[in-house]
């Protein structure tokens, strides 16, 4: 089943891509959440790599605020086409991920505190 979510890729404190996914009930809620989050991050000087609303079949645990890079143990390949949507692929330990942020579609190798819910 597809779920609507706000996808956010930023740089964590170590300078590596961080993935955050926040689920919402509607596109309006997603856009409002994105506006709020981006405003906060902009005020903090955070570097935003990518952000957008879209649908995903992937279920992740809720985001936990305030955890540092040492808690970002879940690895993902995030593919983002120019037009819309995204694909998040969980990566097994030792799996290779080749980042291509300038490609079309862009590919990011990111970590997250959020884990896949089976």
PDB file of N, CA and C in Angstrom:
ATOM      1  N   UNK A   1       0.839  -1.176   0.000  1.00  0.00           N
ATOM      2  CA  UNK A   1       0.000   0.000   0.000  1.00  0.00           C
ATOM      3  C   UNK A   1       0.888   1.244   0.000  1.00  0.00           C
ATOM      4  N   UNK A   2       0.562   2.202  -0.822  1.00  0.00           N
ATOM      5  CA  UNK A   2       1.328   3.445  -0.889  1.00  0.00           C
ATOM      6  C   UNK A   2       0.913   4.403   0.225  1.00  0.00           C
ATOM      7  N   UNK A   3       1.915   5.092   0.778  1.00  0.00           N
ATOM      8  CA  UNK A   3       1.676   6.084   1.823  1.00  0.00           C
ATOM      9  C   UNK A   3       2.261   7.407   1.354  1.00  0.00           C
ATOM     10  N   UNK A   4       1.583   8.490   1.667  1.00  0.00           N
ATOM     11  CA  UNK A   4       2.065   9.828   1.326  1.00  0.00           C
ATOM     12  C   UNK A   4       3.086  10.250   2.371  1.00  0.00           C
ATOM     13  N   UNK A   5       4.193  10.850   1.912  1.00  0.00           N
ATOM     14  CA  UNK A   5       5.257  11.222   2.846  1.00  0.00           C
ATOM     15  C   UNK A   5       6.057  12.402   2.319  1.00  0.00           C
ATOM     16  N   UNK A   6       6.710  13.080   3.256  1.00  0.00           N
ATOM     17  CA  UNK A   6       7.670  14.128   2.940  1.00  0.00           C
ATOM     18  C   UNK A   6       9.054  13.521   3.065  1.00  0.00           C
ATOM     19  N   UNK A   7       9.813  13.519   1.984  1.00  0.00           N
ATOM     20  CA  UNK A   7      11.176  12.999   1.957  1.00  0.00           C
ATOM     21  C   UNK A   7      12.138  14.162   2.098  1.00  0.00           C
ATOM     22  N   UNK A   8      13.136  13.993   2.947  1.00  0.00           N
ATOM     23  CA  UNK A   8      14.133  15.039   3.169  1.00  0.00           C
ATOM     24  C   UNK A   8      15.512  14.409   3.224  1.00  0.00           C
ATOM     25  N   UNK A   9      16.421  14.931   2.423  1.00  0.00           N
ATOM     26  CA  UNK A   9      17.828  14.552   2.466  1.00  0.00           C
ATOM     27  C   UNK A   9      18.631  15.780   2.860  1.00  0.00           C
ATOM     28  N   UNK A  10      19.369  15.681   3.952  1.00  0.00           N
ATOM     29  CA  UNK A  10      20.217  16.761   4.439  1.00  0.00           C
ATOM     30  C   UNK A  10      21.607  16.188   4.713  1.00  0.00           C
ATOM     31  N   UNK A  11      22.513  17.054   5.082  1.00  0.00           N
ATOM     32  CA  UNK A  11      23.811  16.585   5.546  1.00  0.00           C
ATOM     33  C   UNK A  11      23.784  16.521   7.065  1.00  0.00           C
ATOM     34  N   UNK A  12      24.259  15.397   7.619  1.00  0.00           N
ATOM     35  CA  UNK A  12      24.318  15.288   9.075  1.00  0.00           C
ATOM     36  C   UNK A  12      25.565  16.005   9.597  1.00  0.00           C
ATOM     37  N   UNK A  13      25.782  15.956  10.901  1.00  0.00           N
ATOM     38  CA  UNK A  13      26.892  16.662  11.524  1.00  0.00           C
ATOM     39  C   UNK A  13      28.253  16.194  11.010  1.00  0.00           C
ATOM     40  N   UNK A  14      28.312  14.964  10.509  1.00  0.00           N
ATOM     41  CA  UNK A  14      29.562  14.416   9.976  1.00  0.00           C
ATOM     42  C   UNK A  14      29.748  14.770   8.494  1.00  0.00           C
ATOM     43  N   UNK A  15      28.757  15.440   7.895  1.00  0.00           N
ATOM     44  CA  UNK A  15      28.845  15.831   6.493  1.00  0.00           C
ATOM     45  C   UNK A  15      28.374  14.769   5.522  1.00  0.00           C
ATOM     46  N   UNK A  16      27.676  13.750   6.016  1.00  0.00           N
ATOM     47  CA  UNK A  16      27.161  12.675   5.172  1.00  0.00           C
ATOM     48  C   UNK A  16      25.657  12.844   4.953  1.00  0.00           C
ATOM     49  N   UNK A  17      25.122  12.339   3.824  1.00  0.00           N
ATOM     50  CA  UNK A  17      23.681  12.444   3.571  1.00  0.00           C
ATOM     51  C   UNK A  17      22.863  11.694   4.617  1.00  0.00           C
ATOM     52  N   UNK A  18      21.825  12.369   5.103  1.00  0.00           N
ATOM     53  CA  UNK A  18      20.887  11.816   6.088  1.00  0.00           C
ATOM     54  C   UNK A  18      19.496  11.786   5.455  1.00  0.00           C
ATOM     55  N   UNK A  19      18.806  10.666   5.598  1.00  0.00           N
ATOM     56  CA  UNK A  19      17.440  10.501   5.096  1.00  0.00           C
ATOM     57  C   UNK A  19      16.447  10.627   6.239  1.00  0.00           C
ATOM     58  N   UNK A  20      15.394  11.402   6.003  1.00  0.00           N
ATOM     59  CA  UNK A  20      14.273  11.494   6.928  1.00  0.00           C
ATOM     60  C   UNK A  20      12.990  11.386   6.118  1.00  0.00           C
ATOM     61  N   UNK A  21      12.062  10.552   6.580  1.00  0.00           N
ATOM     62  CA  UNK A  21      10.765  10.399   5.934  1.00  0.00           C
ATOM     63  C   UNK A  21       9.689  10.656   6.982  1.00  0.00           C
ATOM     64  N   UNK A  22       8.765  11.570   6.663  1.00  0.00           N
ATOM     65  CA  UNK A  22       7.657  11.897   7.569  1.00  0.00           C
ATOM     66  C   UNK A  22       6.351  11.642   6.827  1.00  0.00           C
ATOM     67  N   UNK A  23       5.533  10.749   7.351  1.00  0.00           N
ATOM     68  CA  UNK A  23       4.270  10.378   6.712  1.00  0.00           C
ATOM     69  C   UNK A  23       3.181  11.396   7.040  1.00  0.00           C
ATOM     70  N   UNK A  24       2.312  11.660   6.065  1.00  0.00           N
ATOM     71  CA  UNK A  24       1.222  12.618   6.240  1.00  0.00           C
ATOM     72  C   UNK A  24      -0.075  12.033   5.688  1.00  0.00           C
ATOM     73  N   UNK A  25      -1.193  12.665   6.040  1.00  0.00           N
ATOM     74  CA  UNK A  25      -2.510  12.178   5.626  1.00  0.00           C
ATOM     75  C   UNK A  25      -2.936  12.695   4.250  1.00  0.00           C
ATOM     76  N   UNK A  26      -2.398  13.848   3.833  1.00  0.00           N
ATOM     77  CA  UNK A  26      -2.819  14.437   2.559  1.00  0.00           C
ATOM     78  C   UNK A  26      -1.659  15.215   1.941  1.00  0.00           C
ATOM     79  N   UNK A  27      -1.802  15.553   0.668  1.00  0.00           N
ATOM     80  CA  UNK A  27      -0.782  16.350  -0.008  1.00  0.00           C
ATOM     81  C   UNK A  27      -0.677  17.730   0.635  1.00  0.00           C
ATOM     82  N   UNK A  28      -1.790  18.295   1.046  1.00  0.00           N
ATOM     83  CA  UNK A  28      -1.770  19.599   1.706  1.00  0.00           C
ATOM     84  C   UNK A  28      -0.982  19.530   3.012  1.00  0.00           C
ATOM     85  N   UNK A  29      -1.207  18.456   3.792  1.00  0.00           N
ATOM     86  CA  UNK A  29      -0.458  18.263   5.036  1.00  0.00           C
ATOM     87  C   UNK A  29       1.029  18.098   4.756  1.00  0.00           C
ATOM     88  N   UNK A  30       1.353  17.358   3.695  1.00  0.00           N
ATOM     89  CA  UNK A  30       2.747  17.128   3.336  1.00  0.00           C
ATOM     90  C   UNK A  30       3.437  18.440   2.959  1.00  0.00           C
ATOM     91  N   UNK A  31       2.772  19.219   2.131  1.00  0.00           N
ATOM     92  CA  UNK A  31       3.346  20.499   1.716  1.00  0.00           C
ATOM     93  C   UNK A  31       3.512  21.446   2.902  1.00  0.00           C
ATOM     94  N   UNK A  32       2.539  21.465   3.813  1.00  0.00           N
ATOM     95  CA  UNK A  32       2.638  22.315   5.003  1.00  0.00           C
ATOM     96  C   UNK A  32       3.779  21.849   5.912  1.00  0.00           C
ATOM     97  N   UNK A  33       3.907  20.531   6.090  1.00  0.00           N
ATOM     98  CA  UNK A  33       4.991  19.993   6.897  1.00  0.00           C
ATOM     99  C   UNK A  33       6.340  20.351   6.271  1.00  0.00           C
ATOM    100  N   UNK A  34       6.445  20.185   4.975  1.00  0.00           N
ATOM    101  CA  UNK A  34       7.685  20.527   4.277  1.00  0.00           C
ATOM    102  C   UNK A  34       8.038  21.990   4.443  1.00  0.00           C
ATOM    103  N   UNK A  35       7.060  22.864   4.313  1.00  0.00           N
ATOM    104  CA  UNK A  35       7.275  24.307   4.471  1.00  0.00           C
ATOM    105  C   UNK A  35       7.822  24.604   5.867  1.00  0.00           C
ATOM    106  N   UNK A  36       7.222  23.984   6.881  1.00  0.00           N
ATOM    107  CA  UNK A  36       7.645  24.205   8.263  1.00  0.00           C
ATOM    108  C   UNK A  36       9.060  23.676   8.502  1.00  0.00           C
ATOM    109  N   UNK A  37       9.307  22.439   8.081  1.00  0.00           N
ATOM    110  CA  UNK A  37      10.626  21.834   8.292  1.00  0.00           C
ATOM    111  C   UNK A  37      11.710  22.611   7.561  1.00  0.00           C
ATOM    112  N   UNK A  38      11.458  22.973   6.311  1.00  0.00           N
ATOM    113  CA  UNK A  38      12.461  23.704   5.540  1.00  0.00           C
ATOM    114  C   UNK A  38      12.746  25.071   6.155  1.00  0.00           C
ATOM    115  N   UNK A  39      11.724  25.713   6.707  1.00  0.00           N
ATOM    116  CA  UNK A  39      11.924  26.994   7.379  1.00  0.00           C
ATOM    117  C   UNK A  39      12.817  26.857   8.598  1.00  0.00           C
ATOM    118  N   UNK A  40      12.607  25.809   9.369  1.00  0.00           N
ATOM    119  CA  UNK A  40      13.432  25.566  10.558  1.00  0.00           C
ATOM    120  C   UNK A  40      14.868  25.263  10.154  1.00  0.00           C
ATOM    121  N   UNK A  41      15.038  24.374   9.186  1.00  0.00           N
ATOM    122  CA  UNK A  41      16.387  23.984   8.763  1.00  0.00           C
ATOM    123  C   UNK A  41      17.133  25.143   8.129  1.00  0.00           C
ATOM    124  N   UNK A  42      16.418  25.963   7.367  1.00  0.00           N
ATOM    125  CA  UNK A  42      17.048  27.128   6.753  1.00  0.00           C
ATOM    126  C   UNK A  42      17.564  28.078   7.835  1.00  0.00           C
ATOM    127  N   UNK A  43      16.763  28.272   8.882  1.00  0.00           N
ATOM    128  CA  UNK A  43      17.164  29.134   9.989  1.00  0.00           C
ATOM    129  C   UNK A  43      18.366  28.597  10.749  1.00  0.00           C
ATOM    130  N   UNK A  44      18.557  27.280  10.704  1.00  0.00           N
ATOM    131  CA  UNK A  44      19.691  26.643  11.379  1.00  0.00           C
ATOM    132  C   UNK A  44      20.919  26.560  10.480  1.00  0.00           C
ATOM    133  N   UNK A  45      20.751  26.895   9.204  1.00  0.00           N
ATOM    134  CA  UNK A  45      21.867  26.817   8.266  1.00  0.00           C
ATOM    135  C   UNK A  45      22.157  25.416   7.773  1.00  0.00           C
ATOM    136  N   UNK A  46      21.185  24.520   7.878  1.00  0.00           N
ATOM    137  CA  UNK A  46      21.371  23.138   7.418  1.00  0.00           C
ATOM    138  C   UNK A  46      21.417  23.080   5.901  1.00  0.00           C
ATOM    139  N   UNK A  47      22.254  22.173   5.373  1.00  0.00           N
ATOM    140  CA  UNK A  47      22.325  21.991   3.926  1.00  0.00           C
ATOM    141  C   UNK A  47      21.303  20.945   3.496  1.00  0.00           C
ATOM    142  N   UNK A  48      20.381  21.363   2.642  1.00  0.00           N
ATOM    143  CA  UNK A  48      19.329  20.484   2.139  1.00  0.00           C
ATOM    144  C   UNK A  48      19.752  19.980   0.765  1.00  0.00           C
ATOM    145  N   UNK A  49      19.837  18.655   0.631  1.00  0.00           N
ATOM    146  CA  UNK A  49      20.236  18.036  -0.630  1.00  0.00           C
ATOM    147  C   UNK A  49      19.035  17.814  -1.547  1.00  0.00           C
ATOM    148  N   UNK A  50      17.913  17.391  -0.961  1.00  0.00           N
ATOM    149  CA  UNK A  50      16.697  17.135  -1.737  1.00  0.00           C
ATOM    150  C   UNK A  50      15.514  17.094  -0.785  1.00  0.00           C
ATOM    151  N   UNK A  51      14.351  17.472  -1.299  1.00  0.00           N
ATOM    152  CA  UNK A  51      13.109  17.417  -0.511  1.00  0.00           C
ATOM    153  C   UNK A  51      11.940  17.389  -1.469  1.00  0.00           C
ATOM    154  N   UNK A  52      10.916  16.621  -1.099  1.00  0.00           N
ATOM    155  CA  UNK A  52       9.681  16.606  -1.874  1.00  0.00           C
ATOM    156  C   UNK A  52       8.647  15.698  -1.236  1.00  0.00           C
ATOM    157  N   UNK A  53       7.403  15.953  -1.592  1.00  0.00           N
ATOM    158  CA  UNK A  53       6.295  15.102  -1.184  1.00  0.00           C
ATOM    159  C   UNK A  53       6.090  14.037  -2.250  1.00  0.00           C
ATOM    160  N   UNK A  54       5.624  12.879  -1.837  1.00  0.00           N
ATOM    161  CA  UNK A  54       5.342  11.809  -2.781  1.00  0.00           C
ATOM    162  C   UNK A  54       4.827  10.579  -2.065  1.00  0.00           C
ATOM    163  N   UNK A  55       4.652   9.524  -2.831  1.00  0.00           N
ATOM    164  CA  UNK A  55       4.137   8.273  -2.282  1.00  0.00           C
ATOM    165  C   UNK A  55       5.240   7.222  -2.252  1.00  0.00           C
ATOM    166  N   UNK A  56       5.163   6.369  -1.242  1.00  0.00           N
ATOM    167  CA  UNK A  56       6.130   5.289  -1.090  1.00  0.00           C
ATOM    168  C   UNK A  56       5.434   4.062  -0.495  1.00  0.00           C
ATOM    169  N   UNK A  57       5.855   2.862  -0.902  1.00  0.00           N
ATOM    170  CA  UNK A  57       5.334   1.656  -0.264  1.00  0.00           C
ATOM    171  C   UNK A  57       6.109   1.308   1.007  1.00  0.00           C
ATOM    172  N   UNK A  58       7.221   1.975   1.246  1.00  0.00           N
ATOM    173  CA  UNK A  58       8.110   1.669   2.356  1.00  0.00           C
ATOM    174  C   UNK A  58       7.580   2.247   3.669  1.00  0.00           C
ATOM    175  N   UNK A  59       7.592   1.431   4.700  1.00  0.00           N
ATOM    176  CA  UNK A  59       7.215   1.895   6.038  1.00  0.00           C
ATOM    177  C   UNK A  59       8.458   1.969   6.897  1.00  0.00           C
ATOM    178  N   UNK A  60       8.715   3.149   7.450  1.00  0.00           N
ATOM    179  CA  UNK A  60       9.861   3.365   8.325  1.00  0.00           C
ATOM    180  C   UNK A  60       9.382   3.754   9.714  1.00  0.00           C
ATOM    181  N   UNK A  61      10.210   3.476  10.707  1.00  0.00           N
ATOM    182  CA  UNK A  61       9.904   3.896  12.068  1.00  0.00           C
ATOM    183  C   UNK A  61       9.861   5.423  12.112  1.00  0.00           C
ATOM    184  N   UNK A  62       9.184   5.997  13.090  1.00  0.00           N
ATOM    185  CA  UNK A  62       9.151   7.461  13.200  1.00  0.00           C
ATOM    186  C   UNK A  62      10.542   8.041  13.407  1.00  0.00           C
ATOM    187  N   UNK A  63      10.735   9.265  12.926  1.00  0.00           N
ATOM    188  CA  UNK A  63      12.003   9.961  13.095  1.00  0.00           C
ATOM    189  C   UNK A  63      12.172  10.365  14.545  1.00  0.00           C
ATOM    190  N   UNK A  64      13.370  10.176  15.088  1.00  0.00           N
ATOM    191  CA  UNK A  64      13.682  10.574  16.458  1.00  0.00           C
ATOM    192  C   UNK A  64      14.593  11.793  16.406  1.00  0.00           C
ATOM    193  N   UNK A  65      14.138  12.910  16.924  1.00  0.00           N
ATOM    194  CA  UNK A  65      14.907  14.163  16.905  1.00  0.00           C
ATOM    195  C   UNK A  65      16.079  14.113  17.880  1.00  0.00           C
ATOM    196  N   UNK A  66      17.149  14.813  17.514  1.00  0.00           N
ATOM    197  CA  UNK A  66      18.268  15.012  18.425  1.00  0.00           C
ATOM    198  C   UNK A  66      19.294  13.900  18.477  1.00  0.00           C
ATOM    199  N   UNK A  67      19.148  12.867  17.651  1.00  0.00           N
ATOM    200  CA  UNK A  67      20.135  11.792  17.655  1.00  0.00           C
ATOM    201  C   UNK A  67      21.239  12.115  16.657  1.00  0.00           C
ATOM    202  N   UNK A  68      22.473  11.868  17.037  1.00  0.00           N
ATOM    203  CA  UNK A  68      23.616  12.177  16.181  1.00  0.00           C
ATOM    204  C   UNK A  68      23.899  11.094  15.164  1.00  0.00           C
ATOM    205  N   UNK A  69      24.929  11.327  14.342  1.00  0.00           N
ATOM    206  CA  UNK A  69      25.297  10.391  13.281  1.00  0.00           C
ATOM    207  C   UNK A  69      25.572   8.971  13.768  1.00  0.00           C
ATOM    208  N   UNK A  70      26.008   8.811  15.015  1.00  0.00           N
ATOM    209  CA  UNK A  70      26.285   7.464  15.529  1.00  0.00           C
ATOM    210  C   UNK A  70      25.021   6.608  15.619  1.00  0.00           C
ATOM    211  N   UNK A  71      23.841   7.233  15.593  1.00  0.00           N
ATOM    212  CA  UNK A  71      22.573   6.503  15.634  1.00  0.00           C
ATOM    213  C   UNK A  71      22.002   6.255  14.236  1.00  0.00           C
ATOM    214  N   UNK A  72      22.641   6.816  13.240  1.00  0.00           N
ATOM    215  CA  UNK A  72      22.171   6.663  11.858  1.00  0.00           C
ATOM    216  C   UNK A  72      22.781   5.402  11.262  1.00  0.00           C
ATOM    217  N   UNK A  73      22.271   4.259  11.693  1.00  0.00           N
ATOM    218  CA  UNK A  73      22.858   2.969  11.321  1.00  0.00           C
ATOM    219  C   UNK A  73      22.142   2.292  10.155  1.00  0.00           C
ATOM    220  N   UNK A  74      21.014   2.823   9.742  1.00  0.00           N
ATOM    221  CA  UNK A  74      20.254   2.234   8.634  1.00  0.00           C
ATOM    222  C   UNK A  74      20.686   2.911   7.339  1.00  0.00           C
ATOM    223  N   UNK A  75      21.033   2.091   6.334  1.00  0.00           N
ATOM    224  CA  UNK A  75      21.563   2.614   5.070  1.00  0.00           C
ATOM    225  C   UNK A  75      20.521   2.459   3.961  1.00  0.00           C
ATOM    226  N   UNK A  76      20.460   3.484   3.097  1.00  0.00           N
ATOM    227  CA  UNK A  76      19.488   3.500   2.003  1.00  0.00           C
ATOM    228  C   UNK A  76      20.097   4.083   0.736  1.00  0.00           C
ATOM    229  N   UNK A  77      19.633   3.577  -0.402  1.00  0.00           N
ATOM    230  CA  UNK A  77      19.904   4.201  -1.702  1.00  0.00           C
ATOM    231  C   UNK A  77      18.613   4.944  -2.058  1.00  0.00           C
ATOM    232  N   UNK A  78      18.738   6.235  -2.295  1.00  0.00           N
ATOM    233  CA  UNK A  78      17.572   7.060  -2.617  1.00  0.00           C
ATOM    234  C   UNK A  78      17.747   7.571  -4.042  1.00  0.00           C
ATOM    235  N   UNK A  79      16.805   7.210  -4.908  1.00  0.00           N
ATOM    236  CA  UNK A  79      16.824   7.638  -6.301  1.00  0.00           C
ATOM    237  C   UNK A  79      15.717   8.664  -6.485  1.00  0.00           C
ATOM    238  N   UNK A  80      16.085   9.822  -7.027  1.00  0.00           N
ATOM    239  CA  UNK A  80      15.128  10.919  -7.171  1.00  0.00           C
ATOM    240  C   UNK A  80      15.107  11.399  -8.621  1.00  0.00           C
ATOM    241  N   UNK A  81      14.035  11.064  -9.356  1.00  0.00           N
ATOM    242  CA  UNK A  81      13.888  11.593 -10.713  1.00  0.00           C
ATOM    243  C   UNK A  81      13.654  13.102 -10.673  1.00  0.00           C
ATOM    244  N   UNK A  82      13.940  13.782 -11.770  1.00  0.00           N
ATOM    245  CA  UNK A  82      13.744  15.233 -11.808  1.00  0.00           C
ATOM    246  C   UNK A  82      12.280  15.612 -11.675  1.00  0.00           C
ATOM    247  N   UNK A  83      11.378  14.847 -12.288  1.00  0.00           N
ATOM    248  CA  UNK A  83       9.985  15.275 -12.359  1.00  0.00           C
ATOM    249  C   UNK A  83       9.195  15.095 -11.060  1.00  0.00           C
ATOM    250  N   UNK A  84       9.204  13.922 -10.462  1.00  0.00           N
ATOM    251  CA  UNK A  84       8.409  13.694  -9.253  1.00  0.00           C
ATOM    252  C   UNK A  84       8.763  12.344  -8.655  1.00  0.00           C
ATOM    253  N   UNK A  85       8.381  12.169  -7.396  1.00  0.00           N
ATOM    254  CA  UNK A  85       8.540  10.881  -6.735  1.00  0.00           C
ATOM    255  C   UNK A  85       9.961  10.582  -6.307  1.00  0.00           C
ATOM    256  N   UNK A  86      10.132   9.384  -5.792  1.00  0.00           N
ATOM    257  CA  UNK A  86      11.430   8.888  -5.363  1.00  0.00           C
ATOM    258  C   UNK A  86      11.315   7.391  -5.126  1.00  0.00           C
ATOM    259  N   UNK A  87      12.466   6.733  -5.014  1.00  0.00           N
ATOM    260  CA  UNK A  87      12.531   5.322  -4.654  1.00  0.00           C
ATOM    261  C   UNK A  87      13.574   5.201  -3.548  1.00  0.00           C
ATOM    262  N   UNK A  88      13.174   4.590  -2.433  1.00  0.00           N
ATOM    263  CA  UNK A  88      14.084   4.353  -1.323  1.00  0.00           C
ATOM    264  C   UNK A  88      14.318   2.851  -1.247  1.00  0.00           C
ATOM    265  N   UNK A  89      15.590   2.454  -1.310  1.00  0.00           N
ATOM    266  CA  UNK A  89      15.946   1.040  -1.226  1.00  0.00           C
ATOM    267  C   UNK A  89      16.809   0.807   0.006  1.00  0.00           C
ATOM    268  N   UNK A  90      16.350  -0.026   0.948  1.00  0.00           N
ATOM    269  CA  UNK A  90      17.198  -0.369   2.091  1.00  0.00           C
ATOM    270  C   UNK A  90      18.428  -1.129   1.598  1.00  0.00           C
ATOM    271  N   UNK A  91      19.573  -0.881   2.212  1.00  0.00           N
ATOM    272  CA  UNK A  91      20.808  -1.554   1.836  1.00  0.00           C
ATOM    273  C   UNK A  91      21.258  -2.493   2.947  1.00  0.00           C
ATOM    274  N   UNK A  92      21.619  -3.688   2.564  1.00  0.00           N
ATOM    275  CA  UNK A  92      22.147  -4.656   3.528  1.00  0.00           C
ATOM    276  C   UNK A  92      23.555  -4.242   3.938  1.00  0.00           C
ATOM    277  N   UNK A  93      23.993  -4.761   5.066  1.00  0.00           N
ATOM    278  CA  UNK A  93      25.354  -4.486   5.534  1.00  0.00           C
ATOM    279  C   UNK A  93      26.342  -4.897   4.453  1.00  0.00           C
ATOM    280  N   UNK A  94      27.266  -4.020   4.138  1.00  0.00           N
ATOM    281  CA  UNK A  94      28.275  -4.311   3.129  1.00  0.00           C
ATOM    282  C   UNK A  94      27.850  -4.067   1.694  1.00  0.00           C
ATOM    283  N   UNK A  95      26.576  -3.763   1.465  1.00  0.00           N
ATOM    284  CA  UNK A  95      26.103  -3.500   0.108  1.00  0.00           C
ATOM    285  C   UNK A  95      26.724  -2.212  -0.412  1.00  0.00           C
ATOM    286  N   UNK A  96      27.069  -2.207  -1.689  1.00  0.00           N
ATOM    287  CA  UNK A  96      27.703  -1.046  -2.305  1.00  0.00           C
ATOM    288  C   UNK A  96      26.631  -0.082  -2.798  1.00  0.00           C
ATOM    289  N   UNK A  97      26.875   1.185  -2.573  1.00  0.00           N
ATOM    290  CA  UNK A  97      25.997   2.244  -3.087  1.00  0.00           C
ATOM    291  C   UNK A  97      26.887   3.273  -3.757  1.00  0.00           C
ATOM    292  N   UNK A  98      26.612   3.543  -5.008  1.00  0.00           N
ATOM    293  CA  UNK A  98      27.393   4.521  -5.777  1.00  0.00           C
ATOM    294  C   UNK A  98      26.587   5.816  -5.884  1.00  0.00           C
ATOM    295  N   UNK A  99      26.975   6.866  -5.167  1.00  0.00           N
ATOM    296  CA  UNK A  99      26.220   8.115  -5.254  1.00  0.00           C
ATOM    297  C   UNK A  99      26.413   8.783  -6.613  1.00  0.00           C
ATOM    298  N   UNK A 100      25.333   9.403  -7.087  1.00  0.00           N
ATOM    299  CA  UNK A 100      25.373  10.163  -8.340  1.00  0.00           C
ATOM    300  C   UNK A 100      24.394  11.323  -8.227  1.00  0.00           C
ATOM    301  N   UNK A 101      24.677  12.288  -7.328  1.00  0.00           N
ATOM    302  CA  UNK A 101      23.716  13.365  -7.084  1.00  0.00           C
ATOM    303  C   UNK A 101      23.495  14.289  -8.274  1.00  0.00           C
ATOM    304  N   UNK A 102      24.423  14.329  -9.207  1.00  0.00           N
ATOM    305  CA  UNK A 102      24.274  15.202 -10.380  1.00  0.00           C
ATOM    306  C   UNK A 102      23.639  14.478 -11.565  1.00  0.00           C
ATOM    307  N   UNK A 103      23.423  13.176 -11.446  1.00  0.00           N
ATOM    308  CA  UNK A 103      22.857  12.384 -12.547  1.00  0.00           C
ATOM    309  C   UNK A 103      21.352  12.615 -12.639  1.00  0.00           C
ATOM    310  N   UNK A 104      20.778  12.096 -13.688  1.00  0.00           N
ATOM    311  CA  UNK A 104      19.318  12.146 -13.850  1.00  0.00           C
ATOM    312  C   UNK A 104      18.836  10.727 -14.165  1.00  0.00           C
ATOM    313  N   UNK A 105      18.208  10.073 -13.194  1.00  0.00           N
ATOM    314  CA  UNK A 105      17.822  10.559 -11.865  1.00  0.00           C
ATOM    315  C   UNK A 105      19.018  10.618 -10.915  1.00  0.00           C
ATOM    316  N   UNK A 106      18.889  11.484  -9.920  1.00  0.00           N
ATOM    317  CA  UNK A 106      19.925  11.624  -8.898  1.00  0.00           C
ATOM    318  C   UNK A 106      19.895  10.414  -7.973  1.00  0.00           C
ATOM    319  N   UNK A 107      21.074   9.992  -7.530  1.00  0.00           N
ATOM    320  CA  UNK A 107      21.173   8.872  -6.592  1.00  0.00           C
ATOM    321  C   UNK A 107      21.976   9.341  -5.382  1.00  0.00           C
ATOM    322  N   UNK A 108      21.401   9.115  -4.202  1.00  0.00           N
ATOM    323  CA  UNK A 108      22.062   9.454  -2.944  1.00  0.00           C
ATOM    324  C   UNK A 108      22.219   8.192  -2.111  1.00  0.00           C
ATOM    325  N   UNK A 109      23.319   8.087  -1.420  1.00  0.00           N
ATOM    326  CA  UNK A 109      23.562   7.009  -0.457  1.00  0.00           C
ATOM    327  C   UNK A 109      23.470   7.669   0.913  1.00  0.00           C
ATOM    328  N   UNK A 110      22.447   7.295   1.668  1.00  0.00           N
ATOM    329  CA  UNK A 110      22.156   8.006   2.909  1.00  0.00           C
ATOM    330  C   UNK A 110      22.011   7.056   4.082  1.00  0.00           C
ATOM    331  N   UNK A 111      22.186   7.623   5.255  1.00  0.00           N
ATOM    332  CA  UNK A 111      21.920   6.879   6.484  1.00  0.00           C
ATOM    333  C   UNK A 111      20.729   7.521   7.186  1.00  0.00           C
ATOM    334  N   UNK A 112      20.165   6.779   8.126  1.00  0.00           N
ATOM    335  CA  UNK A 112      18.994   7.280   8.852  1.00  0.00           C
ATOM    336  C   UNK A 112      18.863   6.582  10.189  1.00  0.00           C
ATOM    337  N   UNK A 113      18.262   7.268  11.137  1.00  0.00           N
ATOM    338  CA  UNK A 113      17.880   6.620  12.389  1.00  0.00           C
ATOM    339  C   UNK A 113      16.621   5.799  12.178  1.00  0.00           C
ATOM    340  N   UNK A 114      15.898   6.050  11.104  1.00  0.00           N
ATOM    341  CA  UNK A 114      14.649   5.359  10.816  1.00  0.00           C
ATOM    342  C   UNK A 114      14.949   3.987  10.197  1.00  0.00           C
ATOM    343  N   UNK A 115      14.309   2.960  10.747  1.00  0.00           N
ATOM    344  CA  UNK A 115      14.487   1.591  10.265  1.00  0.00           C
ATOM    345  C   UNK A 115      13.232   1.145   9.524  1.00  0.00           C
ATOM    346  N   UNK A 116      13.397   0.160   8.665  1.00  0.00           N
ATOM    347  CA  UNK A 116      12.271  -0.407   7.930  1.00  0.00           C
ATOM    348  C   UNK A 116      11.386  -1.193   8.892  1.00  0.00           C
ATOM    349  N   UNK A 117      10.084  -0.990   8.756  1.00  0.00           N
ATOM    350  CA  UNK A 117       9.097  -1.776   9.519  1.00  0.00           C
ATOM    351  C   UNK A 117       8.650  -2.892   8.591  1.00  0.00           C
ATOM    352  N   UNK A 118       8.888  -4.101   8.996  1.00  0.00           N
ATOM    353  CA  UNK A 118       8.539  -5.271   8.159  1.00  0.00           C
ATOM    354  C   UNK A 118       7.047  -5.513   8.143  1.00  0.00           C
TER     355      UNK A 118
END
